[in-house]
Amino acid sequence: MKSTTFAAMLVLATGAIARNCTPDLNYCGRTLLEIGNYQPQIDQALHDAGAGEANGGADDLFHCGGGPNGVITFIGFCANGCRTNPTNVNDACN
């Protein structure tokens, strides 16, 4: 019984591990939020660019600079929404 509990905890812990964005790719804010806890970085990138925040940055487009923390920079707001593309393909504005 103990090994079953340990295995279940290990699976849950593994699923909770966040990852960084892939360097040189563009991401919708919502994609970054699915990857991990990017909300503070989204807020900072918007602030650094002097951009207003709409819906938590979900429909904004960001560029991944990489690094150990997955540094991002603001590209622009997607007025018609942001399109999430397959892995290793740039997200884009609609």
PDB file of N, CA and C in Angstrom:
ATOM      1  N   MET A   1       0.818  -1.195   0.000  1.00  0.00           N
ATOM      2  CA  MET A   1       0.000   0.000   0.000  1.00  0.00           C
ATOM      3  C   MET A   1       0.862   1.259   0.000  1.00  0.00           C
ATOM      4  N   LYS A   2       1.965   1.228   0.739  1.00  0.00           N
ATOM      5  CA  LYS A   2       2.832   2.397   0.795  1.00  0.00           C
ATOM      6  C   LYS A   2       3.453   2.694  -0.559  1.00  0.00           C
ATOM      7  N   SER A   3       3.860   1.665  -1.295  1.00  0.00           N
ATOM      8  CA  SER A   3       4.478   1.901  -2.602  1.00  0.00           C
ATOM      9  C   SER A   3       3.470   2.479  -3.589  1.00  0.00           C
ATOM     10  N   THR A   4       2.205   2.098  -3.470  1.00  0.00           N
ATOM     11  CA  THR A   4       1.163   2.651  -4.338  1.00  0.00           C
ATOM     12  C   THR A   4       0.963   4.134  -4.049  1.00  0.00           C
ATOM     13  N   THR A   5       0.932   4.491  -2.771  1.00  0.00           N
ATOM     14  CA  THR A   5       0.776   5.895  -2.390  1.00  0.00           C
ATOM     15  C   THR A   5       1.961   6.706  -2.878  1.00  0.00           C
ATOM     16  N   PHE A   6       3.171   6.190  -2.705  1.00  0.00           N
ATOM     17  CA  PHE A   6       4.376   6.882  -3.158  1.00  0.00           C
ATOM     18  C   PHE A   6       4.362   7.075  -4.668  1.00  0.00           C
ATOM     19  N   ALA A   7       3.971   6.050  -5.403  1.00  0.00           N
ATOM     20  CA  ALA A   7       3.922   6.147  -6.868  1.00  0.00           C
ATOM     21  C   ALA A   7       2.904   7.193  -7.308  1.00  0.00           C
ATOM     22  N   ALA A   8       1.766   7.238  -6.652  1.00  0.00           N
ATOM     23  CA  ALA A   8       0.743   8.231  -6.997  1.00  0.00           C
ATOM     24  C   ALA A   8       1.238   9.643  -6.713  1.00  0.00           C
ATOM     25  N   MET A   9       1.930   9.824  -5.597  1.00  0.00           N
ATOM     26  CA  MET A   9       2.474  11.137  -5.264  1.00  0.00           C
ATOM     27  C   MET A   9       3.541  11.551  -6.272  1.00  0.00           C
ATOM     28  N   LEU A  10       4.351  10.617  -6.710  1.00  0.00           N
ATOM     29  CA  LEU A  10       5.396  10.904  -7.681  1.00  0.00           C
ATOM     30  C   LEU A  10       4.798  11.348  -9.010  1.00  0.00           C
ATOM     31  N   VAL A  11       3.752  10.693  -9.451  1.00  0.00           N
ATOM     32  CA  VAL A  11       3.083  11.071 -10.701  1.00  0.00           C
ATOM     33  C   VAL A  11       2.502  12.472 -10.582  1.00  0.00           C
ATOM     34  N   LEU A  12       1.850  12.775  -9.473  1.00  0.00           N
ATOM     35  CA  LEU A  12       1.270  14.103  -9.282  1.00  0.00           C
ATOM     36  C   LEU A  12       2.350  15.171  -9.227  1.00  0.00           C
ATOM     37  N   ALA A  13       3.438  14.897  -8.541  1.00  0.00           N
ATOM     38  CA  ALA A  13       4.527  15.865  -8.442  1.00  0.00           C
ATOM     39  C   ALA A  13       5.169  16.101  -9.799  1.00  0.00           C
ATOM     40  N   THR A  14       5.349  15.076 -10.581  1.00  0.00           N
ATOM     41  CA  THR A  14       5.953  15.209 -11.902  1.00  0.00           C
ATOM     42  C   THR A  14       5.076  16.055 -12.809  1.00  0.00           C
ATOM     43  N   GLY A  15       3.773  15.889 -12.739  1.00  0.00           N
ATOM     44  CA  GLY A  15       2.855  16.663 -13.562  1.00  0.00           C
ATOM     45  C   GLY A  15       2.809  18.128 -13.173  1.00  0.00           C
ATOM     46  N   ALA A  16       3.213  18.446 -11.951  1.00  0.00           N
ATOM     47  CA  ALA A  16       3.150  19.817 -11.472  1.00  0.00           C
ATOM     48  C   ALA A  16       4.403  20.614 -11.809  1.00  0.00           C
ATOM     49  N   ILE A  17       5.416  19.974 -12.333  1.00  0.00           N
ATOM     50  CA  ILE A  17       6.657  20.666 -12.649  1.00  0.00           C
ATOM     51  C   ILE A  17       6.454  21.543 -13.878  1.00  0.00           C
ATOM     52  N   ALA A  18       6.761  22.820 -13.711  1.00  0.00           N
ATOM     53  CA  ALA A  18       6.622  23.759 -14.827  1.00  0.00           C
ATOM     54  C   ALA A  18       7.860  23.686 -15.712  1.00  0.00           C
ATOM     55  N   ARG A  19       7.686  24.111 -16.961  1.00  0.00           N
ATOM     56  CA  ARG A  19       8.825  24.158 -17.867  1.00  0.00           C
ATOM     57  C   ARG A  19       8.974  25.579 -18.374  1.00  0.00           C
ATOM     58  N   ASN A  20      10.091  25.853 -18.992  1.00  0.00           N
ATOM     59  CA  ASN A  20      10.336  27.168 -19.565  1.00  0.00           C
ATOM     60  C   ASN A  20       9.917  27.187 -21.022  1.00  0.00           C
ATOM     61  N   CYS A  21       9.740  28.393 -21.538  1.00  0.00           N
ATOM     62  CA  CYS A  21       9.459  28.548 -22.963  1.00  0.00           C
ATOM     63  C   CYS A  21      10.704  28.163 -23.765  1.00  0.00           C
ATOM     64  N   THR A  22      10.513  27.883 -25.036  1.00  0.00           N
ATOM     65  CA  THR A  22      11.619  27.524 -25.926  1.00  0.00           C
ATOM     66  C   THR A  22      12.216  28.801 -26.507  1.00  0.00           C
ATOM     67  N   PRO A  23      13.527  29.007 -26.346  1.00  0.00           N
ATOM     68  CA  PRO A  23      14.156  30.235 -26.839  1.00  0.00           C
ATOM     69  C   PRO A  23      13.876  30.482 -28.320  1.00  0.00           C
ATOM     70  N   ASP A  24      13.674  31.755 -28.642  1.00  0.00           N
ATOM     71  CA  ASP A  24      13.458  32.262 -30.001  1.00  0.00           C
ATOM     72  C   ASP A  24      12.089  31.945 -30.580  1.00  0.00           C
ATOM     73  N   LEU A  25      11.168  31.421 -29.775  1.00  0.00           N
ATOM     74  CA  LEU A  25       9.795  31.224 -30.245  1.00  0.00           C
ATOM     75  C   LEU A  25       8.896  32.313 -29.663  1.00  0.00           C
ATOM     76  N   ASN A  26       7.817  32.623 -30.376  1.00  0.00           N
ATOM     77  CA  ASN A  26       6.813  33.571 -29.912  1.00  0.00           C
ATOM     78  C   ASN A  26       5.651  32.801 -29.304  1.00  0.00           C
ATOM     79  N   TYR A  27       5.114  33.336 -28.212  1.00  0.00           N
ATOM     80  CA  TYR A  27       4.055  32.665 -27.467  1.00  0.00           C
ATOM     81  C   TYR A  27       2.912  33.613 -27.149  1.00  0.00           C
ATOM     82  N   CYS A  28       1.695  33.104 -27.240  1.00  0.00           N
ATOM     83  CA  CYS A  28       0.543  33.817 -26.697  1.00  0.00           C
ATOM     84  C   CYS A  28       0.671  33.777 -25.177  1.00  0.00           C
ATOM     85  N   GLY A  29       0.156  34.796 -24.523  1.00  0.00           N
ATOM     86  CA  GLY A  29       0.175  34.796 -23.066  1.00  0.00           C
ATOM     87  C   GLY A  29      -0.495  33.568 -22.485  1.00  0.00           C
ATOM     88  N   ARG A  30      -1.612  33.140 -23.093  1.00  0.00           N
ATOM     89  CA  ARG A  30      -2.326  31.967 -22.560  1.00  0.00           C
ATOM     90  C   ARG A  30      -1.471  30.708 -22.665  1.00  0.00           C
ATOM     91  N   THR A  31      -0.648  30.608 -23.711  1.00  0.00           N
ATOM     92  CA  THR A  31       0.237  29.450 -23.854  1.00  0.00           C
ATOM     93  C   THR A  31       1.286  29.459 -22.751  1.00  0.00           C
ATOM     94  N   LEU A  32       1.843  30.629 -22.464  1.00  0.00           N
ATOM     95  CA  LEU A  32       2.833  30.738 -21.390  1.00  0.00           C
ATOM     96  C   LEU A  32       2.226  30.334 -20.052  1.00  0.00           C
ATOM     97  N   LEU A  33       0.972  30.706 -19.827  1.00  0.00           N
ATOM     98  CA  LEU A  33       0.312  30.340 -18.575  1.00  0.00           C
ATOM     99  C   LEU A  33       0.067  28.839 -18.484  1.00  0.00           C
ATOM    100  N   GLU A  34      -0.116  28.182 -19.617  1.00  0.00           N
ATOM    101  CA  GLU A  34      -0.264  26.723 -19.626  1.00  0.00           C
ATOM    102  C   GLU A  34       1.075  26.038 -19.360  1.00  0.00           C
ATOM    103  N   ILE A  35       2.157  26.653 -19.810  1.00  0.00           N
ATOM    104  CA  ILE A  35       3.497  26.090 -19.614  1.00  0.00           C
ATOM    105  C   ILE A  35       3.875  26.112 -18.142  1.00  0.00           C
ATOM    106  N   GLY A  36       3.587  27.210 -17.478  1.00  0.00           N
ATOM    107  CA  GLY A  36       3.994  27.345 -16.082  1.00  0.00           C
ATOM    108  C   GLY A  36       3.478  28.639 -15.480  1.00  0.00           C
ATOM    109  N   ASN A  37       4.055  29.044 -14.375  1.00  0.00           N
ATOM    110  CA  ASN A  37       3.632  30.243 -13.661  1.00  0.00           C
ATOM    111  C   ASN A  37       4.273  31.482 -14.290  1.00  0.00           C
ATOM    112  N   TYR A  38       3.796  31.855 -15.454  1.00  0.00           N
ATOM    113  CA  TYR A  38       4.355  32.988 -16.183  1.00  0.00           C
ATOM    114  C   TYR A  38       3.652  34.308 -15.891  1.00  0.00           C
ATOM    115  N   GLN A  39       2.603  34.313 -15.060  1.00  0.00           N
ATOM    116  CA  GLN A  39       1.866  35.564 -14.854  1.00  0.00           C
ATOM    117  C   GLN A  39       2.757  36.696 -14.355  1.00  0.00           C
ATOM    118  N   PRO A  40       3.640  36.471 -13.368  1.00  0.00           N
ATOM    119  CA  PRO A  40       4.508  37.579 -12.945  1.00  0.00           C
ATOM    120  C   PRO A  40       5.414  38.088 -14.076  1.00  0.00           C
ATOM    121  N   GLN A  41       5.925  37.193 -14.910  1.00  0.00           N
ATOM    122  CA  GLN A  41       6.778  37.615 -16.020  1.00  0.00           C
ATOM    123  C   GLN A  41       5.970  38.337 -17.098  1.00  0.00           C
ATOM    124  N   ILE A  42       4.743  37.892 -17.337  1.00  0.00           N
ATOM    125  CA  ILE A  42       3.868  38.581 -18.288  1.00  0.00           C
ATOM    126  C   ILE A  42       3.606  40.000 -17.798  1.00  0.00           C
ATOM    127  N   ASP A  43       3.249  40.126 -16.519  1.00  0.00           N
ATOM    128  CA  ASP A  43       2.993  41.449 -15.943  1.00  0.00           C
ATOM    129  C   ASP A  43       4.221  42.346 -16.073  1.00  0.00           C
ATOM    130  N   GLN A  44       5.400  41.806 -15.797  1.00  0.00           N
ATOM    131  CA  GLN A  44       6.635  42.588 -15.874  1.00  0.00           C
ATOM    132  C   GLN A  44       6.955  42.984 -17.310  1.00  0.00           C
ATOM    133  N   ALA A  45       6.775  42.053 -18.251  1.00  0.00           N
ATOM    134  CA  ALA A  45       7.050  42.354 -19.662  1.00  0.00           C
ATOM    135  C   ALA A  45       6.122  43.455 -20.168  1.00  0.00           C
ATOM    136  N   LEU A  46       4.854  43.410 -19.770  1.00  0.00           N
ATOM    137  CA  LEU A  46       3.906  44.457 -20.154  1.00  0.00           C
ATOM    138  C   LEU A  46       4.311  45.795 -19.543  1.00  0.00           C
ATOM    139  N   HIS A  47       4.698  45.772 -18.281  1.00  0.00           N
ATOM    140  CA  HIS A  47       5.140  46.989 -17.600  1.00  0.00           C
ATOM    141  C   HIS A  47       6.383  47.569 -18.271  1.00  0.00           C
ATOM    142  N   ASP A  48       7.359  46.713 -18.549  1.00  0.00           N
ATOM    143  CA  ASP A  48       8.610  47.165 -19.179  1.00  0.00           C
ATOM    144  C   ASP A  48       8.363  47.802 -20.542  1.00  0.00           C
ATOM    145  N   ALA A  49       7.356  47.308 -21.260  1.00  0.00           N
ATOM    146  CA  ALA A  49       7.041  47.824 -22.595  1.00  0.00           C
ATOM    147  C   ALA A  49       6.097  49.026 -22.538  1.00  0.00           C
ATOM    148  N   GLY A  50       5.617  49.363 -21.343  1.00  0.00           N
ATOM    149  CA  GLY A  50       4.670  50.461 -21.210  1.00  0.00           C
ATOM    150  C   GLY A  50       3.316  50.134 -21.819  1.00  0.00           C
ATOM    151  N   ALA A  51       3.008  48.852 -21.883  1.00  0.00           N
ATOM    152  CA  ALA A  51       1.748  48.398 -22.489  1.00  0.00           C
ATOM    153  C   ALA A  51       0.692  48.211 -21.410  1.00  0.00           C
ATOM    154  N   GLY A  52      -0.546  48.497 -21.759  1.00  0.00           N
ATOM    155  CA  GLY A  52      -1.644  48.243 -20.843  1.00  0.00           C
ATOM    156  C   GLY A  52      -1.928  46.755 -20.773  1.00  0.00           C
ATOM    157  N   GLU A  53      -2.549  46.354 -19.689  1.00  0.00           N
ATOM    158  CA  GLU A  53      -2.853  44.930 -19.522  1.00  0.00           C
ATOM    159  C   GLU A  53      -4.326  44.674 -19.785  1.00  0.00           C
ATOM    160  N   ALA A  54      -4.591  43.766 -20.675  1.00  0.00           N
ATOM    161  CA  ALA A  54      -5.966  43.337 -20.945  1.00  0.00           C
ATOM    162  C   ALA A  54      -6.031  41.836 -20.720  1.00  0.00           C
ATOM    163  N   ASN A  55      -7.001  41.372 -20.028  1.00  0.00           N
ATOM    164  CA  ASN A  55      -7.241  39.961 -19.681  1.00  0.00           C
ATOM    165  C   ASN A  55      -5.986  39.211 -19.244  1.00  0.00           C
ATOM    166  N   GLY A  56      -5.163  39.854 -18.435  1.00  0.00           N
ATOM    167  CA  GLY A  56      -3.980  39.202 -17.877  1.00  0.00           C
ATOM    168  C   GLY A  56      -2.905  38.881 -18.888  1.00  0.00           C
ATOM    169  N   GLY A  57      -2.982  39.482 -20.066  1.00  0.00           N
ATOM    170  CA  GLY A  57      -1.974  39.238 -21.094  1.00  0.00           C
ATOM    171  C   GLY A  57      -2.232  38.010 -21.939  1.00  0.00           C
ATOM    172  N   ALA A  58      -3.387  37.370 -21.774  1.00  0.00           N
ATOM    173  CA  ALA A  58      -3.672  36.119 -22.496  1.00  0.00           C
ATOM    174  C   ALA A  58      -3.662  36.296 -24.007  1.00  0.00           C
ATOM    175  N   ASP A  59      -4.126  37.447 -24.493  1.00  0.00           N
ATOM    176  CA  ASP A  59      -4.165  37.686 -25.936  1.00  0.00           C
ATOM    177  C   ASP A  59      -3.021  38.572 -26.414  1.00  0.00           C
ATOM    178  N   ASP A  60      -1.970  38.639 -25.626  1.00  0.00           N
ATOM    179  CA  ASP A  60      -0.772  39.362 -26.030  1.00  0.00           C
ATOM    180  C   ASP A  60       0.245  38.365 -26.559  1.00  0.00           C
ATOM    181  N   LEU A  61       1.144  38.844 -27.394  1.00  0.00           N
ATOM    182  CA  LEU A  61       2.172  37.990 -27.982  1.00  0.00           C
ATOM    183  C   LEU A  61       3.520  38.343 -27.364  1.00  0.00           C
ATOM    184  N   PHE A  62       4.278  37.323 -26.981  1.00  0.00           N
ATOM    185  CA  PHE A  62       5.564  37.496 -26.312  1.00  0.00           C
ATOM    186  C   PHE A  62       6.640  36.688 -27.031  1.00  0.00           C
ATOM    187  N   HIS A  63       7.875  37.163 -26.915  1.00  0.00           N
ATOM    188  CA  HIS A  63       9.019  36.451 -27.490  1.00  0.00           C
ATOM    189  C   HIS A  63       9.815  35.841 -26.347  1.00  0.00           C
ATOM    190  N   CYS A  64      10.177  34.579 -26.487  1.00  0.00           N
ATOM    191  CA  CYS A  64      10.972  33.886 -25.473  1.00  0.00           C
ATOM    192  C   CYS A  64      12.450  34.111 -25.744  1.00  0.00           C
ATOM    193  N   GLY A  65      13.106  34.764 -24.804  1.00  0.00           N
ATOM    194  CA  GLY A  65      14.544  34.972 -24.908  1.00  0.00           C
ATOM    195  C   GLY A  65      15.331  33.816 -24.322  1.00  0.00           C
ATOM    196  N   GLY A  66      14.662  32.991 -23.548  1.00  0.00           N
ATOM    197  CA  GLY A  66      15.298  31.814 -22.962  1.00  0.00           C
ATOM    198  C   GLY A  66      15.939  32.115 -21.625  1.00  0.00           C
ATOM    199  N   GLY A  67      17.021  31.428 -21.342  1.00  0.00           N
ATOM    200  CA  GLY A  67      17.692  31.558 -20.060  1.00  0.00           C
ATOM    201  C   GLY A  67      17.105  30.612 -19.036  1.00  0.00           C
ATOM    202  N   PRO A  68      17.678  30.602 -17.841  1.00  0.00           N
ATOM    203  CA  PRO A  68      17.242  29.655 -16.817  1.00  0.00           C
ATOM    204  C   PRO A  68      15.808  29.873 -16.335  1.00  0.00           C
ATOM    205  N   ASN A  69      15.275  31.083 -16.512  1.00  0.00           N
ATOM    206  CA  ASN A  69      13.912  31.364 -16.068  1.00  0.00           C
ATOM    207  C   ASN A  69      12.941  31.583 -17.218  1.00  0.00           C
ATOM    208  N   GLY A  70      13.360  31.318 -18.448  1.00  0.00           N
ATOM    209  CA  GLY A  70      12.482  31.500 -19.595  1.00  0.00           C
ATOM    210  C   GLY A  70      12.055  32.945 -19.773  1.00  0.00           C
ATOM    211  N   VAL A  71      13.026  33.844 -19.869  1.00  0.00           N
ATOM    212  CA  VAL A  71      12.766  35.279 -19.971  1.00  0.00           C
ATOM    213  C   VAL A  71      11.950  35.590 -21.226  1.00  0.00           C
ATOM    214  N   ILE A  72      10.948  36.461 -21.080  1.00  0.00           N
ATOM    215  CA  ILE A  72      10.087  36.841 -22.200  1.00  0.00           C
ATOM    216  C   ILE A  72      10.089  38.357 -22.375  1.00  0.00           C
ATOM    217  N   THR A  73       9.789  38.803 -23.607  1.00  0.00           N
ATOM    218  CA  THR A  73       9.587  40.218 -23.893  1.00  0.00           C
ATOM    219  C   THR A  73       8.271  40.371 -24.649  1.00  0.00           C
ATOM    220  N   PHE A  74       7.631  41.509 -24.440  1.00  0.00           N
ATOM    221  CA  PHE A  74       6.348  41.811 -25.069  1.00  0.00           C
ATOM    222  C   PHE A  74       6.558  42.165 -26.534  1.00  0.00           C
ATOM    223  N   ILE A  75       5.762  41.554 -27.418  1.00  0.00           N
ATOM    224  CA  ILE A  75       5.791  41.887 -28.846  1.00  0.00           C
ATOM    225  C   ILE A  75       4.624  42.808 -29.173  1.00  0.00           C
ATOM    226  N   GLY A  76       3.412  42.420 -28.782  1.00  0.00           N
ATOM    227  CA  GLY A  76       2.259  43.250 -29.071  1.00  0.00           C
ATOM    228  C   GLY A  76       0.956  42.608 -28.639  1.00  0.00           C
ATOM    229  N   PHE A  77      -0.096  43.436 -28.646  1.00  0.00           N
ATOM    230  CA  PHE A  77      -1.435  42.972 -28.317  1.00  0.00           C
ATOM    231  C   PHE A  77      -2.107  42.466 -29.584  1.00  0.00           C
ATOM    232  N   CYS A  78      -2.749  41.340 -29.503  1.00  0.00           N
ATOM    233  CA  CYS A  78      -3.453  40.761 -30.648  1.00  0.00           C
ATOM    234  C   CYS A  78      -4.921  41.178 -30.575  1.00  0.00           C
ATOM    235  N   ALA A  79      -5.283  42.195 -31.346  1.00  0.00           N
ATOM    236  CA  ALA A  79      -6.630  42.764 -31.302  1.00  0.00           C
ATOM    237  C   ALA A  79      -7.719  41.741 -31.626  1.00  0.00           C
ATOM    238  N   ASN A  80      -7.413  40.785 -32.488  1.00  0.00           N
ATOM    239  CA  ASN A  80      -8.392  39.760 -32.868  1.00  0.00           C
ATOM    240  C   ASN A  80      -8.110  38.417 -32.217  1.00  0.00           C
ATOM    241  N   GLY A  81      -7.368  38.422 -31.132  1.00  0.00           N
ATOM    242  CA  GLY A  81      -7.041  37.195 -30.431  1.00  0.00           C
ATOM    243  C   GLY A  81      -5.706  36.629 -30.869  1.00  0.00           C
ATOM    244  N   CYS A  82      -5.203  35.730 -30.070  1.00  0.00           N
ATOM    245  CA  CYS A  82      -3.901  35.117 -30.316  1.00  0.00           C
ATOM    246  C   CYS A  82      -4.103  33.639 -30.621  1.00  0.00           C
ATOM    247  N   ARG A  83      -3.422  33.151 -31.635  1.00  0.00           N
ATOM    248  CA  ARG A  83      -3.566  31.759 -32.085  1.00  0.00           C
ATOM    249  C   ARG A  83      -2.408  30.921 -31.552  1.00  0.00           C
ATOM    250  N   THR A  84      -2.740  29.896 -30.781  1.00  0.00           N
ATOM    251  CA  THR A  84      -1.747  28.953 -30.282  1.00  0.00           C
ATOM    252  C   THR A  84      -1.479  27.918 -31.364  1.00  0.00           C
ATOM    253  N   ASN A  85      -0.230  27.722 -31.690  1.00  0.00           N
ATOM    254  CA  ASN A  85       0.165  26.767 -32.724  1.00  0.00           C
ATOM    255  C   ASN A  85       0.818  25.542 -32.094  1.00  0.00           C
ATOM    256  N   PRO A  86       1.086  24.510 -32.882  1.00  0.00           N
ATOM    257  CA  PRO A  86       1.711  23.298 -32.339  1.00  0.00           C
ATOM    258  C   PRO A  86       3.072  23.586 -31.698  1.00  0.00           C
ATOM    259  N   THR A  87       3.534  22.667 -30.895  1.00  0.00           N
ATOM    260  CA  THR A  87       4.832  22.777 -30.239  1.00  0.00           C
ATOM    261  C   THR A  87       5.924  23.069 -31.259  1.00  0.00           C
ATOM    262  N   ASN A  88       6.842  23.939 -30.885  1.00  0.00           N
ATOM    263  CA  ASN A  88       7.993  24.351 -31.699  1.00  0.00           C
ATOM    264  C   ASN A  88       7.613  25.151 -32.939  1.00  0.00           C
ATOM    265  N   VAL A  89       6.402  25.729 -32.945  1.00  0.00           N
ATOM    266  CA  VAL A  89       5.953  26.632 -34.007  1.00  0.00           C
ATOM    267  C   VAL A  89       5.518  27.926 -33.322  1.00  0.00           C
ATOM    268  N   ASN A  90       5.920  29.081 -33.870  1.00  0.00           N
ATOM    269  CA  ASN A  90       5.540  30.361 -33.281  1.00  0.00           C
ATOM    270  C   ASN A  90       4.030  30.507 -33.186  1.00  0.00           C
ATOM    271  N   ASP A  91       3.552  30.974 -32.011  1.00  0.00           N
ATOM    272  CA  ASP A  91       2.174  31.418 -31.898  1.00  0.00           C
ATOM    273  C   ASP A  91       2.080  32.730 -32.669  1.00  0.00           C
ATOM    274  N   ALA A  92       0.867  33.166 -32.994  1.00  0.00           N
ATOM    275  CA  ALA A  92       0.713  34.381 -33.796  1.00  0.00           C
ATOM    276  C   ALA A  92      -0.623  35.045 -33.505  1.00  0.00           C
ATOM    277  N   CYS A  93      -0.715  36.319 -33.855  1.00  0.00           N
ATOM    278  CA  CYS A  93      -1.991  37.031 -33.774  1.00  0.00           C
ATOM    279  C   CYS A  93      -2.899  36.534 -34.891  1.00  0.00           C
ATOM    280  N   ASN A  94      -4.205  36.508 -34.622  1.00  0.00           N
ATOM    281  CA  ASN A  94      -5.191  36.149 -35.652  1.00  0.00           C
ATOM    282  C   ASN A  94      -5.330  37.276 -36.651  1.00  0.00           C
TER     283      ASN A  94
END
